[in-house]
């Protein structure tokens, strides 16, 4: 993202990828923000300066459970957004303790599946819970150099949509796990019906996933 403008969308299937300032398209391990995968939509001097500062960028990893980790490789600041609004994301405690800022070459969990399920349980205790609000919890955003509560004030930032987490919505086993862990006292038939009606494919389309470029190795 360049402020409030979307300059590119990518659907990453790999376990590990590095987002840096290169001009090469995805090669199985890295993606360059100056490659043809991204269409830069502004000549705003702030945006241009930040893109020049990205350097080696960040390394993003995910595990079998759907947790997402990030390692700062660049010399510029990398800030995990949302550290001031814990109820609106699934960040781990370490991110809050760091005030969202990543340290050099120190891997940090930036999406915690257990926290995601906890947030789901908290929402489901209300009868008027919204599946779209739960879907937003599956995202993690981060910025380079500067951060702000206002998207249009950030020269360069990215939003990761965790499809593994998004896919948990509507799954009956997730409800059972939440109840088994004591996070829900009971699961009514009404709750089961509303939960089962969540349309994961529609949510993907709402995020623009269907329009994204898919980058993956053949193996």
N, C-alpha and C. Protein backbone atom coordinates (compact mmCIF):
# COMPACT_ATOMS: atom_id res chain seq x y z
N UNK A 1 0.84 -1.19 0.00
CA UNK A 1 0.00 0.00 0.00
C UNK A 1 0.88 1.25 0.00
N UNK A 2 0.49 2.22 -0.83
CA UNK A 2 1.09 3.54 -0.78
C UNK A 2 0.03 4.47 -0.21
N UNK A 3 0.18 4.77 1.07
CA UNK A 3 -0.84 5.52 1.80
C UNK A 3 -2.17 4.78 1.67
N UNK A 4 -3.18 5.35 1.04
CA UNK A 4 -4.46 4.65 0.94
C UNK A 4 -4.66 3.98 -0.42
N UNK A 5 -3.60 3.90 -1.22
CA UNK A 5 -3.68 3.31 -2.55
C UNK A 5 -3.09 1.89 -2.56
N UNK A 6 -3.82 0.96 -3.17
CA UNK A 6 -3.34 -0.42 -3.30
C UNK A 6 -2.44 -0.50 -4.51
N UNK A 7 -1.17 -0.83 -4.31
CA UNK A 7 -0.24 -0.91 -5.44
C UNK A 7 0.07 -2.35 -5.83
N UNK A 8 -0.45 -3.32 -5.09
CA UNK A 8 -0.23 -4.71 -5.49
C UNK A 8 -0.89 -5.68 -4.54
N UNK A 9 -1.28 -6.85 -5.07
CA UNK A 9 -1.86 -7.92 -4.27
C UNK A 9 -1.20 -9.24 -4.67
N UNK A 10 -0.78 -9.98 -3.68
CA UNK A 10 -0.11 -11.25 -3.92
C UNK A 10 -0.68 -12.33 -3.01
N UNK A 11 -0.86 -13.51 -3.54
CA UNK A 11 -1.33 -14.66 -2.77
C UNK A 11 -0.14 -15.61 -2.63
N UNK A 12 0.49 -15.59 -1.47
CA UNK A 12 1.71 -16.37 -1.23
C UNK A 12 1.37 -17.73 -0.63
N UNK A 13 1.81 -18.80 -1.27
CA UNK A 13 1.54 -20.15 -0.79
C UNK A 13 2.74 -20.75 -0.04
N UNK A 14 3.88 -20.08 -0.13
CA UNK A 14 5.09 -20.67 0.43
C UNK A 14 5.17 -20.50 1.95
N UNK A 15 6.02 -21.33 2.58
CA UNK A 15 6.22 -21.27 4.03
C UNK A 15 7.10 -20.10 4.41
N UNK A 16 7.90 -19.61 3.45
CA UNK A 16 8.83 -18.53 3.76
C UNK A 16 9.00 -17.64 2.54
N UNK A 17 9.00 -16.34 2.76
CA UNK A 17 9.23 -15.40 1.66
C UNK A 17 9.87 -14.14 2.23
N UNK A 18 10.73 -13.51 1.44
CA UNK A 18 11.36 -12.26 1.82
C UNK A 18 10.82 -11.15 0.92
N UNK A 19 10.31 -10.09 1.54
CA UNK A 19 9.84 -8.91 0.82
C UNK A 19 10.88 -7.82 0.98
N UNK A 20 11.56 -7.49 -0.13
CA UNK A 20 12.62 -6.49 -0.08
C UNK A 20 12.45 -5.44 -1.15
N UNK A 21 13.51 -4.64 -1.38
CA UNK A 21 13.39 -3.51 -2.31
C UNK A 21 13.85 -3.85 -3.72
N UNK A 22 14.06 -5.12 -4.03
CA UNK A 22 14.55 -5.51 -5.34
C UNK A 22 13.54 -5.27 -6.46
N UNK A 23 14.00 -5.52 -7.69
CA UNK A 23 13.13 -5.34 -8.85
C UNK A 23 12.78 -6.68 -9.50
N UNK A 24 13.24 -7.78 -8.90
CA UNK A 24 12.95 -9.10 -9.45
C UNK A 24 11.56 -9.56 -9.03
N UNK A 25 10.86 -10.23 -9.93
CA UNK A 25 9.57 -10.82 -9.58
C UNK A 25 9.81 -12.04 -8.71
N UNK A 26 8.75 -12.61 -8.20
CA UNK A 26 8.86 -13.73 -7.26
C UNK A 26 9.65 -14.88 -7.86
N UNK A 27 10.66 -15.35 -7.12
CA UNK A 27 11.52 -16.43 -7.62
C UNK A 27 11.50 -17.67 -6.72
N UNK A 28 10.51 -17.74 -5.83
CA UNK A 28 10.41 -18.88 -4.93
C UNK A 28 10.80 -18.55 -3.51
N UNK A 29 11.60 -17.49 -3.35
CA UNK A 29 12.04 -17.10 -2.00
C UNK A 29 11.89 -15.62 -1.72
N UNK A 30 11.95 -14.77 -2.75
CA UNK A 30 11.91 -13.33 -2.53
C UNK A 30 10.94 -12.64 -3.50
N UNK A 31 10.48 -11.45 -3.08
CA UNK A 31 9.67 -10.59 -3.93
C UNK A 31 10.20 -9.17 -3.76
N UNK A 32 10.40 -8.47 -4.85
CA UNK A 32 10.87 -7.10 -4.79
C UNK A 32 9.73 -6.11 -4.93
N UNK A 33 9.70 -5.10 -4.07
CA UNK A 33 8.61 -4.12 -4.14
C UNK A 33 8.73 -3.26 -5.39
N UNK A 34 9.87 -3.30 -6.05
CA UNK A 34 10.05 -2.54 -7.29
C UNK A 34 9.90 -3.43 -8.51
N UNK A 35 9.34 -4.61 -8.35
CA UNK A 35 9.13 -5.53 -9.46
C UNK A 35 7.79 -5.26 -10.13
N UNK A 36 7.54 -5.99 -11.21
CA UNK A 36 6.28 -5.82 -11.94
C UNK A 36 5.08 -6.37 -11.17
N UNK A 37 5.34 -7.04 -10.03
CA UNK A 37 4.24 -7.52 -9.19
C UNK A 37 3.48 -6.34 -8.58
N UNK A 38 4.14 -5.18 -8.53
CA UNK A 38 3.55 -4.00 -7.90
C UNK A 38 3.46 -2.85 -8.89
N UNK A 39 2.38 -2.13 -8.84
CA UNK A 39 2.18 -0.97 -9.70
C UNK A 39 2.17 0.28 -8.82
N UNK A 40 3.26 1.00 -8.82
CA UNK A 40 3.35 2.19 -7.98
C UNK A 40 2.50 3.30 -8.58
N UNK A 41 1.60 3.81 -7.76
CA UNK A 41 0.55 4.69 -8.25
C UNK A 41 0.77 6.17 -7.93
N UNK A 42 1.86 6.47 -7.27
CA UNK A 42 2.08 7.86 -6.88
C UNK A 42 3.56 8.19 -6.94
N UNK A 43 3.84 9.46 -7.17
CA UNK A 43 5.23 9.96 -7.12
C UNK A 43 5.43 10.80 -5.86
N UNK A 44 4.57 10.56 -4.89
CA UNK A 44 4.67 11.25 -3.61
C UNK A 44 6.08 11.07 -3.05
N UNK A 45 6.73 12.16 -2.69
CA UNK A 45 8.13 12.10 -2.24
C UNK A 45 8.29 11.24 -1.00
N UNK A 46 7.29 11.27 -0.09
CA UNK A 46 7.36 10.44 1.11
C UNK A 46 7.39 8.96 0.74
N UNK A 47 6.52 8.56 -0.17
CA UNK A 47 6.46 7.17 -0.60
C UNK A 47 7.77 6.75 -1.28
N UNK A 48 8.26 7.60 -2.17
CA UNK A 48 9.50 7.30 -2.88
C UNK A 48 10.66 7.12 -1.90
N UNK A 49 10.76 8.00 -0.92
CA UNK A 49 11.85 7.92 0.06
C UNK A 49 11.77 6.65 0.89
N UNK A 50 10.55 6.26 1.30
CA UNK A 50 10.40 5.05 2.11
C UNK A 50 10.74 3.82 1.30
N UNK A 51 10.30 3.76 0.05
CA UNK A 51 10.62 2.60 -0.79
C UNK A 51 12.12 2.45 -0.96
N UNK A 52 12.83 3.57 -1.00
CA UNK A 52 14.29 3.51 -1.12
C UNK A 52 14.94 3.01 0.17
N UNK A 53 14.21 3.10 1.29
CA UNK A 53 14.76 2.72 2.59
C UNK A 53 14.53 1.26 2.95
N UNK A 54 13.69 0.57 2.19
CA UNK A 54 13.28 -0.79 2.56
C UNK A 54 14.45 -1.76 2.59
N UNK A 55 15.39 -1.61 1.68
CA UNK A 55 16.58 -2.46 1.68
C UNK A 55 16.25 -3.95 1.62
N UNK A 56 16.82 -4.72 2.55
CA UNK A 56 16.60 -6.16 2.56
C UNK A 56 15.19 -6.54 3.02
N UNK A 57 14.45 -5.59 3.58
CA UNK A 57 13.05 -5.82 3.91
C UNK A 57 12.80 -6.72 5.10
N UNK A 58 11.83 -7.61 4.94
CA UNK A 58 11.44 -8.52 6.02
C UNK A 58 11.28 -9.93 5.50
N UNK A 59 11.50 -10.87 6.39
CA UNK A 59 11.24 -12.29 6.08
C UNK A 59 9.96 -12.71 6.79
N UNK A 60 9.06 -13.34 6.05
CA UNK A 60 7.78 -13.77 6.59
C UNK A 60 7.70 -15.29 6.53
N UNK A 61 7.37 -15.89 7.66
CA UNK A 61 7.25 -17.35 7.75
C UNK A 61 5.89 -17.73 8.32
N UNK A 62 5.42 -18.90 7.99
CA UNK A 62 4.22 -19.46 8.62
C UNK A 62 4.48 -20.91 8.97
N UNK A 63 3.73 -21.43 9.96
CA UNK A 63 3.90 -22.82 10.35
C UNK A 63 2.65 -23.63 10.03
N UNK A 64 2.67 -24.90 10.39
CA UNK A 64 1.55 -25.80 10.06
C UNK A 64 0.24 -25.37 10.70
N UNK A 65 0.31 -24.70 11.84
CA UNK A 65 -0.90 -24.31 12.57
C UNK A 65 -1.51 -23.01 12.06
N UNK A 66 -0.77 -22.28 11.20
CA UNK A 66 -1.27 -21.02 10.70
C UNK A 66 -0.70 -19.80 11.41
N UNK A 67 0.22 -20.01 12.36
CA UNK A 67 0.91 -18.88 12.98
C UNK A 67 1.82 -18.22 11.95
N UNK A 68 1.97 -16.91 12.05
CA UNK A 68 2.82 -16.17 11.12
C UNK A 68 3.92 -15.46 11.91
N UNK A 69 5.14 -15.55 11.40
CA UNK A 69 6.31 -14.95 12.05
C UNK A 69 6.96 -13.97 11.08
N UNK A 70 7.62 -12.96 11.65
CA UNK A 70 8.30 -11.98 10.82
C UNK A 70 9.67 -11.67 11.42
N UNK A 71 10.65 -11.52 10.53
CA UNK A 71 12.00 -11.16 10.93
C UNK A 71 12.41 -9.90 10.18
N UNK A 72 12.90 -8.91 10.90
CA UNK A 72 13.35 -7.65 10.30
C UNK A 72 14.76 -7.81 9.75
N UNK A 73 14.92 -7.60 8.43
CA UNK A 73 16.22 -7.69 7.79
C UNK A 73 16.75 -6.31 7.38
N UNK A 74 15.85 -5.36 7.25
CA UNK A 74 16.19 -4.01 6.82
C UNK A 74 16.77 -3.18 7.96
N UNK A 75 17.43 -2.09 7.60
CA UNK A 75 17.93 -1.16 8.60
C UNK A 75 16.87 -0.17 9.07
N UNK A 76 15.81 -0.01 8.27
CA UNK A 76 14.77 0.95 8.65
C UNK A 76 13.80 0.32 9.65
N UNK A 77 12.98 1.13 10.26
CA UNK A 77 12.01 0.64 11.24
C UNK A 77 10.92 -0.18 10.54
N UNK A 78 10.50 -1.25 11.20
CA UNK A 78 9.35 -2.04 10.76
C UNK A 78 8.40 -2.10 11.95
N UNK A 79 7.18 -1.64 11.74
CA UNK A 79 6.21 -1.55 12.84
C UNK A 79 4.99 -2.40 12.53
N UNK A 80 4.64 -3.28 13.47
CA UNK A 80 3.42 -4.07 13.34
C UNK A 80 2.25 -3.20 13.76
N UNK A 81 1.34 -3.00 12.87
CA UNK A 81 0.22 -2.12 13.16
C UNK A 81 -0.82 -2.83 14.05
N UNK A 82 -1.58 -2.04 14.78
CA UNK A 82 -2.62 -2.60 15.63
C UNK A 82 -2.20 -2.87 17.05
N UNK A 83 -0.95 -2.54 17.40
CA UNK A 83 -0.48 -2.85 18.76
C UNK A 83 -1.17 -1.99 19.82
N UNK A 84 -1.90 -0.96 19.38
CA UNK A 84 -2.63 -0.12 20.33
C UNK A 84 -4.10 -0.55 20.46
N UNK A 85 -4.51 -1.51 19.62
CA UNK A 85 -5.91 -1.98 19.64
C UNK A 85 -5.94 -3.51 19.70
N UNK A 86 -5.58 -4.10 20.83
CA UNK A 86 -5.44 -5.55 20.95
C UNK A 86 -6.70 -6.35 20.64
N UNK A 87 -7.86 -5.80 20.87
CA UNK A 87 -9.09 -6.56 20.61
C UNK A 87 -9.43 -6.67 19.14
N UNK A 88 -8.66 -5.98 18.30
CA UNK A 88 -8.96 -5.96 16.87
C UNK A 88 -7.97 -6.77 16.05
N UNK A 89 -7.16 -7.59 16.71
CA UNK A 89 -6.17 -8.37 15.97
C UNK A 89 -5.80 -9.62 16.76
N UNK A 90 -4.88 -10.40 16.21
CA UNK A 90 -4.44 -11.64 16.87
C UNK A 90 -2.93 -11.62 17.06
N UNK A 91 -2.41 -10.50 17.54
CA UNK A 91 -0.99 -10.38 17.81
C UNK A 91 -0.64 -11.07 19.12
N UNK A 92 0.62 -11.47 19.25
CA UNK A 92 1.06 -12.09 20.50
C UNK A 92 1.52 -11.00 21.47
N UNK A 93 1.69 -11.37 22.74
CA UNK A 93 2.06 -10.40 23.78
C UNK A 93 3.39 -9.71 23.49
N UNK A 94 4.30 -10.43 22.84
CA UNK A 94 5.61 -9.85 22.57
C UNK A 94 5.51 -8.62 21.68
N UNK A 95 4.58 -8.62 20.73
CA UNK A 95 4.41 -7.47 19.84
C UNK A 95 3.98 -6.25 20.64
N UNK A 96 3.05 -6.45 21.59
CA UNK A 96 2.60 -5.33 22.43
C UNK A 96 3.74 -4.81 23.29
N UNK A 97 4.53 -5.73 23.83
CA UNK A 97 5.65 -5.33 24.69
C UNK A 97 6.67 -4.49 23.93
N UNK A 98 6.80 -4.76 22.64
CA UNK A 98 7.75 -4.02 21.80
C UNK A 98 7.12 -2.75 21.21
N UNK A 99 5.86 -2.50 21.55
CA UNK A 99 5.12 -1.38 20.94
C UNK A 99 5.09 -1.51 19.42
N UNK A 100 5.04 -2.75 18.99
CA UNK A 100 4.90 -3.04 17.57
C UNK A 100 6.20 -3.04 16.78
N UNK A 101 7.29 -2.59 17.34
CA UNK A 101 8.53 -2.45 16.58
C UNK A 101 9.37 -3.74 16.63
N UNK A 102 9.86 -4.14 15.47
CA UNK A 102 10.68 -5.35 15.38
C UNK A 102 12.15 -4.99 15.56
N UNK A 103 12.88 -5.88 16.22
CA UNK A 103 14.32 -5.73 16.37
C UNK A 103 15.03 -6.47 15.25
N UNK A 104 16.26 -6.08 14.97
CA UNK A 104 17.03 -6.68 13.89
C UNK A 104 17.17 -8.20 14.05
N UNK A 105 16.81 -8.92 13.00
CA UNK A 105 17.03 -10.37 12.87
C UNK A 105 16.46 -11.18 14.03
N UNK A 106 15.43 -10.64 14.68
CA UNK A 106 14.80 -11.34 15.80
C UNK A 106 13.39 -11.74 15.36
N UNK A 107 13.17 -13.05 15.19
CA UNK A 107 11.88 -13.52 14.69
C UNK A 107 10.78 -13.32 15.74
N UNK A 108 9.68 -12.74 15.32
CA UNK A 108 8.56 -12.45 16.21
C UNK A 108 7.27 -13.01 15.61
N UNK A 109 6.44 -13.61 16.46
CA UNK A 109 5.14 -14.10 15.99
C UNK A 109 4.20 -12.91 15.85
N UNK A 110 3.77 -12.64 14.62
CA UNK A 110 2.91 -11.48 14.36
C UNK A 110 1.45 -11.88 14.13
N UNK A 111 1.20 -13.18 14.07
CA UNK A 111 -0.18 -13.68 14.08
C UNK A 111 -0.18 -14.95 14.91
N UNK A 112 -0.99 -14.96 15.98
CA UNK A 112 -1.05 -16.08 16.91
C UNK A 112 -2.42 -16.74 16.80
N UNK A 113 -2.43 -17.97 16.32
CA UNK A 113 -3.69 -18.69 16.10
C UNK A 113 -4.47 -18.86 17.41
N UNK A 114 -3.76 -19.10 18.51
CA UNK A 114 -4.45 -19.27 19.79
C UNK A 114 -5.15 -17.98 20.21
N UNK A 115 -4.52 -16.83 19.94
CA UNK A 115 -5.16 -15.55 20.25
C UNK A 115 -6.35 -15.33 19.32
N UNK A 116 -6.21 -15.73 18.06
CA UNK A 116 -7.30 -15.62 17.09
C UNK A 116 -8.53 -16.37 17.59
N UNK A 117 -8.33 -17.59 18.08
CA UNK A 117 -9.46 -18.38 18.59
C UNK A 117 -10.03 -17.76 19.86
N UNK A 118 -9.16 -17.17 20.66
CA UNK A 118 -9.63 -16.47 21.87
C UNK A 118 -10.52 -15.29 21.50
N UNK A 119 -10.11 -14.53 20.48
CA UNK A 119 -10.92 -13.39 20.02
C UNK A 119 -12.26 -13.89 19.46
N UNK A 120 -12.25 -15.02 18.78
CA UNK A 120 -13.50 -15.59 18.26
C UNK A 120 -14.43 -15.90 19.42
N UNK A 121 -13.90 -16.56 20.46
CA UNK A 121 -14.72 -16.92 21.62
C UNK A 121 -15.31 -15.68 22.28
N UNK A 122 -14.50 -14.63 22.42
CA UNK A 122 -14.98 -13.39 23.03
C UNK A 122 -16.13 -12.79 22.23
N UNK A 123 -16.03 -12.86 20.91
CA UNK A 123 -17.07 -12.30 20.05
C UNK A 123 -18.35 -13.12 20.11
N UNK A 124 -18.20 -14.45 20.14
CA UNK A 124 -19.37 -15.32 20.10
C UNK A 124 -20.21 -15.27 21.38
N UNK A 125 -19.68 -14.68 22.43
CA UNK A 125 -20.46 -14.53 23.66
C UNK A 125 -21.58 -13.51 23.49
N UNK A 126 -21.47 -12.71 22.44
CA UNK A 126 -22.52 -11.73 22.14
C UNK A 126 -23.43 -12.30 21.05
N UNK A 127 -24.72 -12.10 21.18
CA UNK A 127 -25.67 -12.65 20.21
C UNK A 127 -25.61 -11.94 18.86
N UNK A 128 -25.07 -10.73 18.82
CA UNK A 128 -25.04 -9.98 17.57
C UNK A 128 -23.64 -9.93 16.95
N UNK A 129 -22.85 -10.99 17.16
CA UNK A 129 -21.50 -11.04 16.60
C UNK A 129 -21.56 -11.00 15.07
N UNK A 130 -20.50 -10.47 14.48
CA UNK A 130 -20.44 -10.23 13.04
C UNK A 130 -19.29 -11.03 12.44
N UNK A 131 -19.60 -11.86 11.45
CA UNK A 131 -18.58 -12.69 10.81
C UNK A 131 -17.53 -11.84 10.11
N UNK A 132 -17.92 -10.68 9.61
CA UNK A 132 -16.96 -9.80 8.93
C UNK A 132 -15.93 -9.25 9.91
N UNK A 133 -16.36 -9.00 11.14
CA UNK A 133 -15.43 -8.53 12.17
C UNK A 133 -14.43 -9.65 12.51
N UNK A 134 -14.94 -10.88 12.59
CA UNK A 134 -14.05 -12.02 12.84
C UNK A 134 -13.05 -12.18 11.70
N UNK A 135 -13.50 -11.98 10.48
CA UNK A 135 -12.61 -12.11 9.32
C UNK A 135 -11.48 -11.09 9.38
N UNK A 136 -11.78 -9.89 9.84
CA UNK A 136 -10.74 -8.87 9.94
C UNK A 136 -9.65 -9.25 10.92
N UNK A 137 -9.99 -10.11 11.88
CA UNK A 137 -9.00 -10.57 12.85
C UNK A 137 -7.93 -11.45 12.21
N UNK A 138 -8.22 -11.96 11.00
CA UNK A 138 -7.27 -12.84 10.32
C UNK A 138 -6.15 -12.06 9.62
N UNK A 139 -6.18 -10.74 9.70
CA UNK A 139 -5.19 -9.92 9.01
C UNK A 139 -4.12 -9.40 9.96
N UNK A 140 -2.94 -9.18 9.42
CA UNK A 140 -1.85 -8.54 10.14
C UNK A 140 -1.25 -7.48 9.21
N UNK A 141 -1.15 -6.26 9.68
CA UNK A 141 -0.58 -5.19 8.87
C UNK A 141 0.74 -4.71 9.47
N UNK A 142 1.63 -4.27 8.60
CA UNK A 142 2.90 -3.72 9.07
C UNK A 142 3.33 -2.59 8.15
N UNK A 143 4.13 -1.69 8.67
CA UNK A 143 4.60 -0.55 7.89
C UNK A 143 6.11 -0.43 7.97
N UNK A 144 6.66 0.24 6.98
CA UNK A 144 8.09 0.55 6.97
C UNK A 144 8.29 2.02 7.35
N UNK A 145 9.29 2.26 8.18
CA UNK A 145 9.78 3.59 8.58
C UNK A 145 8.85 4.29 9.56
N UNK A 146 7.57 4.52 9.19
CA UNK A 146 6.66 5.26 10.06
C UNK A 146 5.34 4.52 10.17
N UNK A 147 4.60 4.82 11.23
CA UNK A 147 3.28 4.24 11.43
C UNK A 147 2.31 5.34 11.85
N UNK A 148 1.03 5.07 11.66
CA UNK A 148 0.00 6.02 12.05
C UNK A 148 -1.31 5.26 12.16
N UNK A 149 -2.24 5.81 12.90
CA UNK A 149 -3.56 5.20 12.99
C UNK A 149 -4.36 5.43 11.71
N UNK A 150 -3.88 6.35 10.87
CA UNK A 150 -4.56 6.69 9.62
C UNK A 150 -3.78 6.12 8.44
N UNK A 151 -4.42 5.27 7.63
CA UNK A 151 -3.75 4.63 6.50
C UNK A 151 -3.12 5.65 5.55
N UNK A 152 -3.82 6.72 5.29
CA UNK A 152 -3.36 7.70 4.31
C UNK A 152 -2.12 8.47 4.76
N UNK A 153 -1.74 8.29 6.02
CA UNK A 153 -0.56 8.98 6.54
C UNK A 153 0.68 8.09 6.51
N UNK A 154 0.53 6.85 6.03
CA UNK A 154 1.66 5.91 6.01
C UNK A 154 2.14 5.73 4.58
N UNK A 155 3.37 6.13 4.27
CA UNK A 155 3.87 6.05 2.89
C UNK A 155 3.93 4.63 2.34
N UNK A 156 4.26 3.64 3.18
CA UNK A 156 4.38 2.27 2.69
C UNK A 156 3.98 1.28 3.78
N UNK A 157 2.95 0.49 3.52
CA UNK A 157 2.54 -0.53 4.48
C UNK A 157 1.92 -1.70 3.73
N UNK A 158 1.80 -2.81 4.41
CA UNK A 158 1.26 -4.03 3.79
C UNK A 158 0.29 -4.71 4.74
N UNK A 159 -0.65 -5.42 4.17
CA UNK A 159 -1.63 -6.18 4.94
C UNK A 159 -1.55 -7.64 4.55
N UNK A 160 -1.26 -8.50 5.52
CA UNK A 160 -1.22 -9.94 5.29
C UNK A 160 -2.57 -10.54 5.67
N UNK A 161 -3.18 -11.28 4.76
CA UNK A 161 -4.43 -11.97 5.04
C UNK A 161 -4.10 -13.45 5.25
N UNK A 162 -4.33 -13.93 6.45
CA UNK A 162 -4.00 -15.30 6.81
C UNK A 162 -5.17 -16.21 6.40
N UNK A 163 -5.05 -16.84 5.22
CA UNK A 163 -6.14 -17.67 4.72
C UNK A 163 -6.35 -18.92 5.57
N UNK A 164 -5.29 -19.40 6.20
CA UNK A 164 -5.44 -20.56 7.10
C UNK A 164 -6.34 -20.21 8.27
N UNK A 165 -6.20 -18.98 8.78
CA UNK A 165 -7.06 -18.52 9.87
C UNK A 165 -8.47 -18.24 9.37
N UNK A 166 -8.57 -17.62 8.22
CA UNK A 166 -9.88 -17.31 7.64
C UNK A 166 -10.68 -18.59 7.40
N UNK A 167 -9.98 -19.64 7.06
CA UNK A 167 -10.63 -20.92 6.77
C UNK A 167 -11.20 -21.57 8.03
N UNK A 168 -10.74 -21.15 9.21
CA UNK A 168 -11.26 -21.71 10.46
C UNK A 168 -12.68 -21.25 10.75
N UNK A 169 -13.04 -20.10 10.19
CA UNK A 169 -14.38 -19.56 10.44
C UNK A 169 -15.45 -20.45 9.81
N UNK A 170 -16.42 -20.82 10.62
CA UNK A 170 -17.49 -21.69 10.14
C UNK A 170 -17.25 -23.17 10.36
N UNK A 171 -16.03 -23.54 10.80
CA UNK A 171 -15.71 -24.95 11.03
C UNK A 171 -16.27 -25.40 12.38
N UNK A 172 -17.08 -26.47 12.42
CA UNK A 172 -17.69 -26.92 13.68
C UNK A 172 -16.66 -27.32 14.73
N UNK A 173 -15.52 -27.85 14.28
CA UNK A 173 -14.50 -28.28 15.24
C UNK A 173 -13.91 -27.11 16.01
N UNK A 174 -13.93 -25.92 15.43
CA UNK A 174 -13.43 -24.74 16.12
C UNK A 174 -14.36 -24.39 17.28
N UNK A 175 -15.67 -24.46 17.05
CA UNK A 175 -16.63 -24.23 18.13
C UNK A 175 -16.43 -25.23 19.26
N UNK A 176 -16.25 -26.49 18.91
CA UNK A 176 -16.07 -27.53 19.92
C UNK A 176 -14.80 -27.29 20.72
N UNK A 177 -13.73 -26.88 20.04
CA UNK A 177 -12.46 -26.60 20.74
C UNK A 177 -12.62 -25.44 21.71
N UNK A 178 -13.32 -24.40 21.28
CA UNK A 178 -13.54 -23.24 22.14
C UNK A 178 -14.33 -23.63 23.39
N UNK A 179 -15.35 -24.46 23.20
CA UNK A 179 -16.14 -24.91 24.35
C UNK A 179 -15.31 -25.81 25.25
N UNK A 180 -14.54 -26.70 24.67
CA UNK A 180 -13.71 -27.63 25.43
C UNK A 180 -12.68 -26.89 26.28
N UNK A 181 -12.22 -25.74 25.78
CA UNK A 181 -11.23 -24.95 26.51
C UNK A 181 -11.88 -24.03 27.56
N UNK A 182 -13.20 -24.12 27.67
CA UNK A 182 -13.89 -23.32 28.66
C UNK A 182 -14.11 -21.88 28.27
N UNK A 183 -13.91 -21.55 26.99
CA UNK A 183 -14.06 -20.18 26.53
C UNK A 183 -15.51 -19.84 26.18
N UNK A 184 -16.34 -20.89 26.01
CA UNK A 184 -17.78 -20.74 25.81
C UNK A 184 -18.48 -21.73 26.73
N UNK A 185 -19.48 -21.26 27.45
CA UNK A 185 -20.17 -22.15 28.39
C UNK A 185 -21.10 -23.12 27.68
N UNK A 186 -21.70 -22.65 26.58
CA UNK A 186 -22.59 -23.52 25.82
C UNK A 186 -22.65 -23.07 24.37
N UNK A 187 -23.06 -23.99 23.52
CA UNK A 187 -23.20 -23.70 22.09
C UNK A 187 -24.64 -23.98 21.70
N UNK A 188 -25.41 -22.96 21.50
CA UNK A 188 -26.82 -23.11 21.16
C UNK A 188 -26.98 -23.53 19.71
N UNK A 189 -28.15 -24.04 19.37
CA UNK A 189 -28.43 -24.41 17.99
C UNK A 189 -28.40 -23.17 17.10
N UNK A 190 -28.86 -22.06 17.64
CA UNK A 190 -28.83 -20.81 16.87
C UNK A 190 -27.40 -20.40 16.53
N UNK A 191 -26.50 -20.55 17.51
CA UNK A 191 -25.10 -20.23 17.28
C UNK A 191 -24.50 -21.17 16.24
N UNK A 192 -24.80 -22.46 16.37
CA UNK A 192 -24.28 -23.44 15.40
C UNK A 192 -24.71 -23.09 13.98
N UNK A 193 -25.98 -22.72 13.84
CA UNK A 193 -26.51 -22.41 12.51
C UNK A 193 -25.86 -21.16 11.92
N UNK A 194 -25.75 -20.12 12.73
CA UNK A 194 -25.14 -18.88 12.25
C UNK A 194 -23.67 -19.08 11.92
N UNK A 195 -22.98 -19.85 12.77
CA UNK A 195 -21.56 -20.13 12.56
C UNK A 195 -21.36 -20.92 11.27
N UNK A 196 -22.18 -21.92 11.05
CA UNK A 196 -22.05 -22.77 9.86
C UNK A 196 -22.37 -22.02 8.56
N UNK A 197 -23.09 -20.90 8.69
CA UNK A 197 -23.49 -20.15 7.50
C UNK A 197 -22.40 -19.22 6.99
N UNK A 198 -21.29 -19.11 7.70
CA UNK A 198 -20.20 -18.24 7.26
C UNK A 198 -19.67 -18.74 5.93
N UNK A 199 -19.62 -17.85 4.96
CA UNK A 199 -19.19 -18.19 3.60
C UNK A 199 -17.74 -17.77 3.42
N UNK A 200 -16.85 -18.72 3.57
CA UNK A 200 -15.41 -18.44 3.48
C UNK A 200 -15.04 -17.93 2.08
N UNK A 201 -15.63 -18.54 1.04
CA UNK A 201 -15.29 -18.13 -0.33
C UNK A 201 -15.72 -16.68 -0.59
N UNK A 202 -16.90 -16.30 -0.07
CA UNK A 202 -17.36 -14.93 -0.25
C UNK A 202 -16.42 -13.96 0.45
N UNK A 203 -15.92 -14.36 1.61
CA UNK A 203 -14.99 -13.50 2.34
C UNK A 203 -13.69 -13.33 1.57
N UNK A 204 -13.22 -14.41 0.94
CA UNK A 204 -12.02 -14.30 0.11
C UNK A 204 -12.22 -13.26 -0.98
N UNK A 205 -13.39 -13.33 -1.64
CA UNK A 205 -13.67 -12.39 -2.71
C UNK A 205 -13.75 -10.97 -2.18
N UNK A 206 -14.29 -10.83 -0.98
CA UNK A 206 -14.40 -9.50 -0.38
C UNK A 206 -13.06 -8.88 -0.12
N UNK A 207 -12.05 -9.72 0.15
CA UNK A 207 -10.70 -9.21 0.36
C UNK A 207 -9.95 -9.04 -0.96
N UNK A 208 -10.58 -9.44 -2.06
CA UNK A 208 -9.91 -9.33 -3.35
C UNK A 208 -8.97 -10.48 -3.63
N UNK A 209 -9.09 -11.57 -2.87
CA UNK A 209 -8.20 -12.71 -3.06
C UNK A 209 -8.31 -13.28 -4.46
N UNK A 210 -9.52 -13.29 -4.98
CA UNK A 210 -9.73 -13.84 -6.31
C UNK A 210 -9.03 -13.07 -7.40
N UNK A 211 -8.69 -11.79 -7.14
CA UNK A 211 -8.03 -10.96 -8.12
C UNK A 211 -6.52 -10.92 -7.93
N UNK A 212 -6.03 -11.60 -6.93
CA UNK A 212 -4.61 -11.53 -6.62
C UNK A 212 -3.80 -12.38 -7.58
N UNK A 213 -2.52 -12.03 -7.71
CA UNK A 213 -1.59 -12.87 -8.43
C UNK A 213 -1.16 -14.00 -7.53
N UNK A 214 -1.23 -15.22 -8.02
CA UNK A 214 -0.80 -16.37 -7.22
C UNK A 214 0.66 -16.64 -7.55
N UNK A 215 1.50 -16.65 -6.54
CA UNK A 215 2.92 -16.93 -6.76
C UNK A 215 3.30 -18.15 -5.94
N UNK A 216 3.69 -19.19 -6.62
CA UNK A 216 4.02 -20.43 -5.95
C UNK A 216 4.92 -21.29 -6.83
N UNK A 217 5.71 -22.11 -6.22
CA UNK A 217 6.55 -23.05 -6.99
C UNK A 217 5.70 -24.21 -7.44
N UNK A 218 6.15 -24.90 -8.49
CA UNK A 218 5.41 -26.04 -9.01
C UNK A 218 5.44 -27.23 -8.07
N UNK A 219 6.43 -27.27 -7.17
CA UNK A 219 6.53 -28.42 -6.28
C UNK A 219 5.67 -28.21 -5.04
